[in-house]
Amino acid sequence: MINKRLLIKNLLAHNDENSFYDKKRKIDIGQKEGKAKFLKHICALSNSNPKNNSYIVIGVEDEDNKIVGVDFFDDSKIQNLINAYLTNPPVVSYENIPFPHLPDDKVVGLVTIRSMEKLTSLRKNIWKYYGGSVFFRDGSMSMPKVFDIVVKDINSAIVEAIEKHAQNNIEYTLNGVFDFMKKRADFEPQYKVFKEYFVLCWAGQKKVVKDEVFFSRVDIELVNEQVRLFYSTFDEVAISHNDASFKILEYVNLGLHNTYKYYPLEETVIHFEDNANYHIETKLLFHAPQFDKKVLYHIYNANNIILEKLKKGLQLSKNENYDLKNLPATYLICYLNLFHEAIDKLNEAKPYLKNYSEEVYRFYNETMRILRKVKYS
């Protein structure tokens, strides 16, 4: 089993960006331009490596390879995005890899691309790229190609060697468990060994509501691979497990005017098998809450007034400061109730919320995470 933290270190230490590896400071697939560029790189890496894995490391400075991290990116539906926009889509996974020196809410993103050994192209137009476009890696660049298109295998031996040097061992696993238990000491950390091989650690702030146990500030890691499977500072999560599986049931707290309700969002089940493999199944459970349209029009217009004030640098009133914390969630509710422009307003608000305060920006990121799950399911 590959230790993904070691894999990232090996990629950064031994290779500049090339035909099987790319690095990014950050990506933004919520915006059309960012989504298009991400798809272009996936397409190019898939075509340049038909018989081995390719990787994109996210959260690294380009100039000096400094690991600065990015926000936890919980997007189990990223394959749906790939399938929607690419012909002969590769198998793509996005994993969140914790590093000891990073803050709790920061990880390094690792995108793994496995080609289907067929030519991958854009299925339809997006941003300035046309449907039918084919991309390949040319050094550190993803470039379009319109003639002499030949899919060649030139990197298998190199990638195999890098992955071999990233294999996990008992020492790394034990150190990972000890680090997790120490770092999460305030949140009742636990661990369990599945199938005598897999070690899963989790922690969270426990509370009991009507005889049901929920956790917030949840952190779940598969230590064997140094992969963070779940991280949230706000959402409520129910956790259960048996000898062969670990289940996470995620809830979101949505509502208006101080009247909130917990809605099931997504169920994730990690199945551990006897042959030292595991697989993850996710099922979206969310049904959008419906509210009175007149109330939503009032809230939508109030949000727009706050956004305009932020743009102009005007001071907010006490009530507007309170409403600002709910602005991302209420824009989401409006969007789910067929206020289609609300999603544009939410995207528009991002830089202003980020500059306003760390807390408000966390609310924004949590809202976008919910939106991604709903949108690509």
Protein backbone atom coordinates (compact mmCIF):
# COMPACT_ATOMS: atom_id res chain seq x y z
CA MET A 1 0.00 0.00 0.00
CA ILE A 2 1.34 3.41 -0.97
CA ASN A 3 1.93 6.03 1.71
CA LYS A 4 0.59 9.10 -0.09
CA ARG A 5 2.61 11.54 2.01
CA LEU A 6 5.81 9.76 1.00
CA LEU A 7 4.65 9.69 -2.60
CA ILE A 8 4.20 13.47 -2.62
CA LYS A 9 7.63 13.97 -1.06
CA ASN A 10 9.21 11.71 -3.69
CA LEU A 11 7.47 13.55 -6.52
CA LEU A 12 8.60 16.93 -5.19
CA ALA A 13 12.15 15.81 -4.38
CA HIS A 14 13.08 13.95 -7.54
CA ASN A 15 11.12 15.49 -10.36
CA ASP A 16 10.27 18.82 -11.87
CA GLU A 17 6.87 19.06 -13.54
CA ASN A 18 6.85 16.69 -16.50
CA SER A 19 4.67 14.41 -18.58
CA PHE A 20 3.41 12.36 -15.59
CA TYR A 21 3.35 14.95 -12.81
CA ASP A 22 2.10 18.49 -12.32
CA LYS A 23 1.91 20.76 -9.28
CA LYS A 24 -0.42 23.64 -8.50
CA ARG A 25 -0.67 26.28 -5.79
CA LYS A 26 -4.45 25.78 -5.91
CA ILE A 27 -7.31 24.87 -8.22
CA ASP A 28 -10.81 26.29 -8.42
CA ILE A 29 -13.28 24.03 -10.21
CA GLY A 30 -16.15 26.18 -8.95
CA GLN A 31 -15.31 28.76 -11.65
CA LYS A 32 -15.60 28.04 -15.37
CA GLU A 33 -11.99 29.01 -16.11
CA GLY A 34 -10.59 26.93 -13.26
CA LYS A 35 -12.73 23.95 -14.21
CA ALA A 36 -11.60 24.18 -17.85
CA LYS A 37 -7.90 24.34 -16.94
CA PHE A 38 -8.26 21.42 -14.55
CA LEU A 39 -9.94 19.31 -17.24
CA LYS A 40 -7.21 20.29 -19.72
CA HIS A 41 -4.49 19.01 -17.36
CA ILE A 42 -6.40 15.78 -16.67
CA CYS A 43 -6.80 15.21 -20.41
CA ALA A 44 -3.11 15.92 -21.13
CA LEU A 45 -1.76 13.71 -18.35
CA SER A 46 -4.08 10.85 -19.30
CA ASN A 47 -2.95 10.98 -22.94
CA SER A 48 0.73 11.27 -22.03
CA ASN A 49 0.66 8.25 -19.69
CA PRO A 50 -1.55 5.49 -21.09
CA LYS A 51 -0.16 2.64 -18.96
CA ASN A 52 0.67 4.20 -15.57
CA ASN A 53 -0.59 6.71 -13.04
CA SER A 54 -0.16 10.45 -13.40
CA TYR A 55 -0.38 12.91 -10.54
CA ILE A 56 -1.27 16.51 -9.75
CA VAL A 57 -0.06 17.81 -6.38
CA ILE A 58 -2.05 20.80 -5.09
CA GLY A 59 -0.91 23.17 -2.36
CA VAL A 60 2.74 23.62 -3.38
CA GLU A 61 4.57 26.81 -4.31
CA ASP A 62 5.86 26.63 -7.87
CA GLU A 63 9.18 28.35 -7.30
CA ASP A 64 10.63 26.43 -4.34
CA ASN A 65 8.31 23.41 -3.83
CA LYS A 66 7.29 24.77 -0.42
CA ILE A 67 4.29 22.85 0.93
CA VAL A 68 1.72 25.48 1.97
CA GLY A 69 -1.45 23.39 1.72
CA VAL A 70 -5.00 24.10 0.63
CA ASP A 71 -8.43 23.76 2.24
CA PHE A 72 -9.80 20.25 2.69
CA PHE A 73 -11.60 19.43 -0.55
CA ASP A 74 -14.34 16.88 -0.03
CA ASP A 75 -15.45 16.04 -3.54
CA SER A 76 -16.38 12.40 -3.92
CA LYS A 77 -18.21 13.29 -7.14
CA ILE A 78 -15.17 14.53 -9.07
CA GLN A 79 -15.35 11.49 -11.37
CA ASN A 80 -18.83 12.63 -12.42
CA LEU A 81 -17.32 15.94 -13.56
CA ILE A 82 -14.61 14.12 -15.53
CA ASN A 83 -17.16 11.82 -17.18
CA ALA A 84 -19.38 14.76 -18.15
CA TYR A 85 -16.65 16.68 -19.99
CA LEU A 86 -14.16 14.12 -21.33
CA THR A 87 -14.41 11.40 -23.96
CA ASN A 88 -12.65 8.17 -22.86
CA PRO A 89 -12.36 9.66 -19.37
CA PRO A 90 -9.57 8.39 -17.11
CA VAL A 91 -10.25 7.19 -13.58
CA VAL A 92 -9.56 10.19 -11.33
CA SER A 93 -9.42 10.43 -7.54
CA TYR A 94 -8.80 13.42 -5.30
CA GLU A 95 -7.30 12.71 -1.87
CA ASN A 96 -6.51 15.01 1.04
CA ILE A 97 -3.08 14.34 2.53
CA PRO A 98 -2.27 15.83 5.97
CA PHE A 99 1.25 17.07 6.71
CA PRO A 100 2.42 17.57 10.32
CA HIS A 101 3.57 21.17 9.84
CA LEU A 102 0.31 22.38 8.28
CA PRO A 103 -2.63 23.85 10.28
CA ASP A 104 -5.47 21.46 11.08
CA ASP A 105 -7.68 22.79 8.28
CA LYS A 106 -4.99 22.55 5.59
CA VAL A 107 -3.90 19.52 3.55
CA VAL A 108 -2.10 18.78 0.31
CA GLY A 109 -4.41 17.69 -2.49
CA LEU A 110 -3.31 14.66 -4.50
CA VAL A 111 -5.07 13.97 -7.81
CA THR A 112 -4.36 10.52 -9.25
CA ILE A 113 -5.14 9.93 -12.93
CA ARG A 114 -5.31 6.44 -14.41
CA SER A 115 -5.76 6.35 -18.19
CA MET A 116 -8.13 3.94 -19.92
CA GLU A 117 -5.39 3.52 -22.58
CA LYS A 118 -7.53 5.35 -25.13
CA LEU A 119 -7.23 8.86 -26.52
CA THR A 120 -8.93 11.34 -24.19
CA SER A 121 -10.49 14.54 -25.55
CA LEU A 122 -12.90 17.27 -24.49
CA ARG A 123 -16.48 16.14 -25.03
CA LYS A 124 -17.92 19.67 -25.30
CA ASN A 125 -16.95 23.33 -25.23
CA ILE A 126 -15.83 24.86 -21.93
CA TRP A 127 -14.38 28.34 -21.45
CA LYS A 128 -12.03 28.92 -24.42
CA TYR A 129 -11.47 25.23 -25.20
CA TYR A 130 -13.50 23.58 -27.93
CA GLY A 131 -15.19 20.22 -27.85
CA GLY A 132 -13.01 17.59 -29.54
CA SER A 133 -9.75 19.23 -28.39
CA VAL A 134 -6.92 16.84 -27.51
CA PHE A 135 -4.14 17.78 -25.07
CA PHE A 136 -0.73 16.26 -24.31
CA ARG A 137 2.04 17.17 -21.90
CA ASP A 138 4.97 19.06 -23.41
CA GLY A 139 7.48 19.28 -20.57
CA SER A 140 5.65 21.11 -17.78
CA MET A 141 2.88 22.41 -20.07
CA SER A 142 -0.42 20.90 -21.15
CA MET A 143 -0.63 21.72 -24.86
CA PRO A 144 -3.25 21.11 -27.57
CA LYS A 145 -2.32 18.78 -30.40
CA VAL A 146 -4.06 18.47 -33.75
CA PHE A 147 -1.73 16.26 -35.81
CA ASP A 148 0.66 13.31 -35.35
CA ILE A 149 -1.41 12.16 -32.38
CA VAL A 150 0.24 9.01 -31.05
CA VAL A 151 -0.27 7.73 -27.51
CA LYS A 152 3.11 6.51 -26.21
CA ASP A 153 4.16 4.82 -23.00
CA ILE A 154 7.43 6.43 -21.87
CA ASN A 155 7.08 6.77 -18.09
CA SER A 156 6.04 3.39 -16.67
CA ALA A 157 9.47 2.50 -15.25
CA ILE A 158 9.95 5.92 -13.64
CA VAL A 159 6.49 6.02 -12.05
CA GLU A 160 6.83 2.42 -10.84
CA ALA A 161 10.13 3.30 -9.11
CA ILE A 162 8.63 6.38 -7.42
CA GLU A 163 5.61 4.43 -6.17
CA LYS A 164 7.84 1.61 -4.93
CA HIS A 165 9.83 4.05 -2.80
CA ALA A 166 6.57 5.30 -1.29
CA GLN A 167 5.45 1.93 0.10
CA ASN A 168 4.18 2.01 3.66
CA ASN A 169 5.67 0.07 6.57
CA ILE A 170 4.89 -0.63 10.24
CA GLU A 171 6.99 2.28 11.49
CA TYR A 172 5.13 4.83 9.34
CA THR A 173 1.78 3.36 10.39
CA LEU A 174 2.58 3.46 14.12
CA ASN A 175 3.96 6.98 13.88
CA GLY A 176 0.79 8.03 12.07
CA VAL A 177 -1.43 6.61 14.84
CA PHE A 178 0.64 8.23 17.61
CA ASP A 179 0.65 11.59 15.82
CA PHE A 180 -3.13 11.49 15.35
CA MET A 181 -3.86 10.50 18.97
CA LYS A 182 -1.62 13.29 20.25
CA LYS A 183 -2.89 15.97 17.89
CA ARG A 184 -6.57 15.17 18.53
CA ALA A 185 -6.28 14.57 22.29
CA ASP A 186 -9.05 17.11 23.04
CA PHE A 187 -11.63 15.31 20.87
CA GLU A 188 -11.67 11.73 22.17
CA PRO A 189 -9.46 10.18 19.46
CA GLN A 190 -10.02 6.53 18.65
CA TYR A 191 -8.56 3.96 16.31
CA LYS A 192 -9.63 0.59 14.95
CA VAL A 193 -7.82 -2.08 12.96
CA PHE A 194 -9.84 -3.62 10.14
CA LYS A 195 -9.02 -7.01 8.61
CA GLU A 196 -5.73 -7.12 10.59
CA TYR A 197 -4.27 -4.59 8.15
CA PHE A 198 -6.05 -1.25 7.85
CA VAL A 199 -5.77 1.31 10.64
CA LEU A 200 -8.44 3.99 10.79
CA CYS A 201 -8.27 6.90 13.26
CA TRP A 202 -11.09 9.30 14.03
CA ALA A 203 -11.95 12.05 16.50
CA GLY A 204 -14.76 14.51 17.08
CA GLN A 205 -16.69 16.55 19.60
CA LYS A 206 -19.40 14.23 20.89
CA LYS A 207 -22.96 15.23 21.73
CA VAL A 208 -26.14 13.27 22.37
CA VAL A 209 -29.46 14.44 20.91
CA LYS A 210 -32.55 12.36 21.77
CA ASP A 211 -30.46 9.24 22.45
CA GLU A 212 -28.57 9.65 19.17
CA VAL A 213 -24.82 10.31 19.17
CA PHE A 214 -23.43 12.94 16.82
CA PHE A 215 -19.96 14.36 16.31
CA SER A 216 -18.79 17.77 15.14
CA ARG A 217 -15.23 18.95 14.38
CA VAL A 218 -14.75 15.49 12.88
CA ASP A 219 -11.40 14.28 11.55
CA ILE A 220 -11.03 10.81 10.01
CA GLU A 221 -7.77 9.41 8.61
CA LEU A 222 -6.77 6.14 6.97
CA VAL A 223 -3.30 5.94 8.50
CA ASN A 224 -1.93 3.25 6.16
CA GLU A 225 -2.07 5.69 3.27
CA GLN A 226 -1.84 8.94 5.26
CA VAL A 227 -5.13 10.04 3.68
CA ARG A 228 -7.62 12.30 5.43
CA LEU A 229 -11.03 10.87 4.53
CA PHE A 230 -13.21 13.46 6.22
CA TYR A 231 -12.75 16.82 7.89
CA SER A 232 -15.37 19.36 8.92
CA THR A 233 -15.54 22.02 11.61
CA PHE A 234 -19.30 22.56 11.36
CA ASP A 235 -21.34 19.61 10.15
CA GLU A 236 -22.84 16.97 12.40
CA VAL A 237 -21.77 13.41 11.67
CA ALA A 238 -23.03 10.03 12.86
CA ILE A 239 -20.41 7.27 12.92
CA SER A 240 -20.86 3.50 13.06
CA HIS A 241 -18.66 0.52 12.27
CA ASN A 242 -18.35 -3.24 12.36
CA ASP A 243 -15.46 -5.61 11.70
CA ALA A 244 -15.46 -5.00 7.94
CA SER A 245 -16.76 -1.47 7.35
CA PHE A 246 -16.84 2.08 8.67
CA LYS A 247 -19.88 4.29 7.99
CA ILE A 248 -20.10 8.09 8.04
CA LEU A 249 -23.54 9.70 7.85
CA GLU A 250 -23.18 13.43 7.30
CA TYR A 251 -25.87 15.97 8.19
CA VAL A 252 -26.17 19.66 7.32
CA ASN A 253 -27.90 22.24 9.48
CA LEU A 254 -30.00 24.53 7.28
CA GLY A 255 -32.83 26.94 7.95
CA LEU A 256 -34.05 30.52 8.11
CA HIS A 257 -34.73 33.01 10.94
CA ASN A 258 -33.12 30.91 13.68
CA THR A 259 -35.29 27.92 12.77
CA TYR A 260 -32.89 25.20 11.69
CA LYS A 261 -33.15 21.51 10.99
CA TYR A 262 -30.64 18.72 10.37
CA TYR A 263 -30.90 17.22 6.89
CA PRO A 264 -29.06 14.01 5.90
CA LEU A 265 -26.52 14.97 3.25
CA GLU A 266 -24.42 11.95 2.31
CA GLU A 267 -23.64 8.45 3.48
CA THR A 268 -20.10 7.17 3.03
CA VAL A 269 -19.19 3.53 3.69
CA ILE A 270 -15.61 2.28 3.63
CA HIS A 271 -15.51 -1.46 2.96
CA PHE A 272 -12.37 -3.33 3.99
CA GLU A 273 -11.65 -6.62 2.23
CA ASP A 274 -9.65 -9.72 3.09
CA ASN A 275 -7.22 -9.24 0.20
CA ALA A 276 -5.72 -6.00 1.63
CA ASN A 277 -7.93 -3.80 -0.55
CA TYR A 278 -10.68 -1.38 0.35
CA HIS A 279 -13.29 0.60 -1.54
CA ILE A 280 -15.46 3.57 -0.68
CA GLU A 281 -19.15 3.90 -1.55
CA THR A 282 -20.96 7.20 -1.30
CA LYS A 283 -24.67 7.83 -1.58
CA LEU A 284 -26.27 11.28 -1.66
CA LEU A 285 -29.28 11.45 0.66
CA PHE A 286 -30.02 15.16 0.45
CA HIS A 287 -33.45 16.53 -0.45
CA ALA A 288 -33.51 20.30 -0.75
CA PRO A 289 -35.69 22.00 1.89
CA GLN A 290 -38.43 24.17 0.39
CA PHE A 291 -39.37 27.54 1.85
CA ASP A 292 -41.92 30.25 1.21
CA LYS A 293 -40.95 32.18 -1.92
CA LYS A 294 -41.87 35.60 -0.47
CA VAL A 295 -39.56 35.02 2.50
CA LEU A 296 -36.78 33.91 0.17
CA TYR A 297 -37.17 36.99 -2.04
CA HIS A 298 -36.71 39.16 1.04
CA ILE A 299 -33.60 37.24 2.14
CA TYR A 300 -32.16 37.14 -1.38
CA ASN A 301 -32.51 40.90 -1.78
CA ALA A 302 -31.04 41.52 1.69
CA ASN A 303 -28.04 39.34 0.77
CA ASN A 304 -27.55 41.31 -2.43
CA ILE A 305 -27.52 44.59 -0.47
CA ILE A 306 -24.85 43.19 1.89
CA LEU A 307 -22.77 41.98 -1.06
CA GLU A 308 -22.92 45.41 -2.71
CA LYS A 309 -21.78 47.02 0.55
CA LEU A 310 -18.84 44.62 0.75
CA LYS A 311 -17.87 45.48 -2.83
CA LYS A 312 -17.91 49.20 -2.05
CA GLY A 313 -16.08 48.81 1.25
CA LEU A 314 -19.01 50.22 3.25
CA GLN A 315 -19.50 49.41 6.93
CA LEU A 316 -22.17 46.85 7.79
CA SER A 317 -24.79 47.34 10.48
CA LYS A 318 -24.96 45.03 13.49
CA ASN A 319 -27.82 43.05 11.94
CA GLU A 320 -26.02 42.86 8.58
CA ASN A 321 -22.91 41.50 10.31
CA TYR A 322 -25.04 38.76 11.79
CA ASP A 323 -26.70 38.04 8.42
CA LEU A 324 -23.30 37.93 6.73
CA LYS A 325 -22.43 34.70 8.58
CA ASN A 326 -25.56 33.11 7.12
CA LEU A 327 -25.14 34.65 3.66
CA PRO A 328 -23.46 31.60 2.01
CA ALA A 329 -26.04 29.17 3.43
CA THR A 330 -29.03 31.38 2.58
CA TYR A 331 -27.77 31.91 -0.97
CA LEU A 332 -27.53 28.11 -1.18
CA ILE A 333 -31.12 27.73 0.06
CA CYS A 334 -32.27 30.27 -2.52
CA TYR A 335 -30.46 28.35 -5.27
CA LEU A 336 -32.01 25.07 -4.15
CA ASN A 337 -35.40 26.80 -4.34
CA LEU A 338 -34.84 27.72 -8.01
CA PHE A 339 -33.31 31.18 -7.56
CA HIS A 340 -30.81 30.32 -10.29
CA GLU A 341 -28.88 33.61 -10.05
CA ALA A 342 -28.06 32.90 -6.39
CA ILE A 343 -25.17 30.64 -7.41
CA ASP A 344 -23.63 33.49 -9.42
CA LYS A 345 -23.97 35.80 -6.42
CA LEU A 346 -22.33 33.18 -4.20
CA ASN A 347 -19.35 32.89 -6.55
CA GLU A 348 -19.21 36.68 -6.78
CA ALA A 349 -19.05 36.97 -2.99
CA LYS A 350 -16.05 34.67 -2.54
CA PRO A 351 -13.16 37.23 -2.55
CA TYR A 352 -15.07 39.64 -0.31
CA LEU A 353 -15.95 36.95 2.24
CA LYS A 354 -12.36 35.73 2.21
CA ASN A 355 -11.07 39.21 2.98
CA TYR A 356 -13.75 39.90 5.58
CA SER A 357 -12.91 37.23 8.16
CA GLU A 358 -11.60 33.69 8.47
CA GLU A 359 -14.83 32.52 10.13
CA VAL A 360 -17.11 33.83 7.37
CA TYR A 361 -14.86 32.31 4.72
CA ARG A 362 -15.05 28.90 6.46
CA PHE A 363 -18.85 29.13 6.24
CA TYR A 364 -18.47 29.86 2.52
CA ASN A 365 -16.21 26.83 1.97
CA GLU A 366 -18.61 24.55 3.84
CA THR A 367 -21.49 25.81 1.70
CA MET A 368 -19.54 25.21 -1.51
CA ARG A 369 -18.69 21.69 -0.38
CA ILE A 370 -22.41 20.92 0.01
CA LEU A 371 -23.14 22.49 -3.36
CA ARG A 372 -20.48 20.37 -5.13
CA LYS A 373 -21.94 17.18 -3.69
CA VAL A 374 -25.46 18.09 -4.79
CA LYS A 375 -24.48 19.49 -8.18
CA TYR A 376 -22.40 16.55 -9.44
CA SER A 377 -24.62 13.76 -8.11
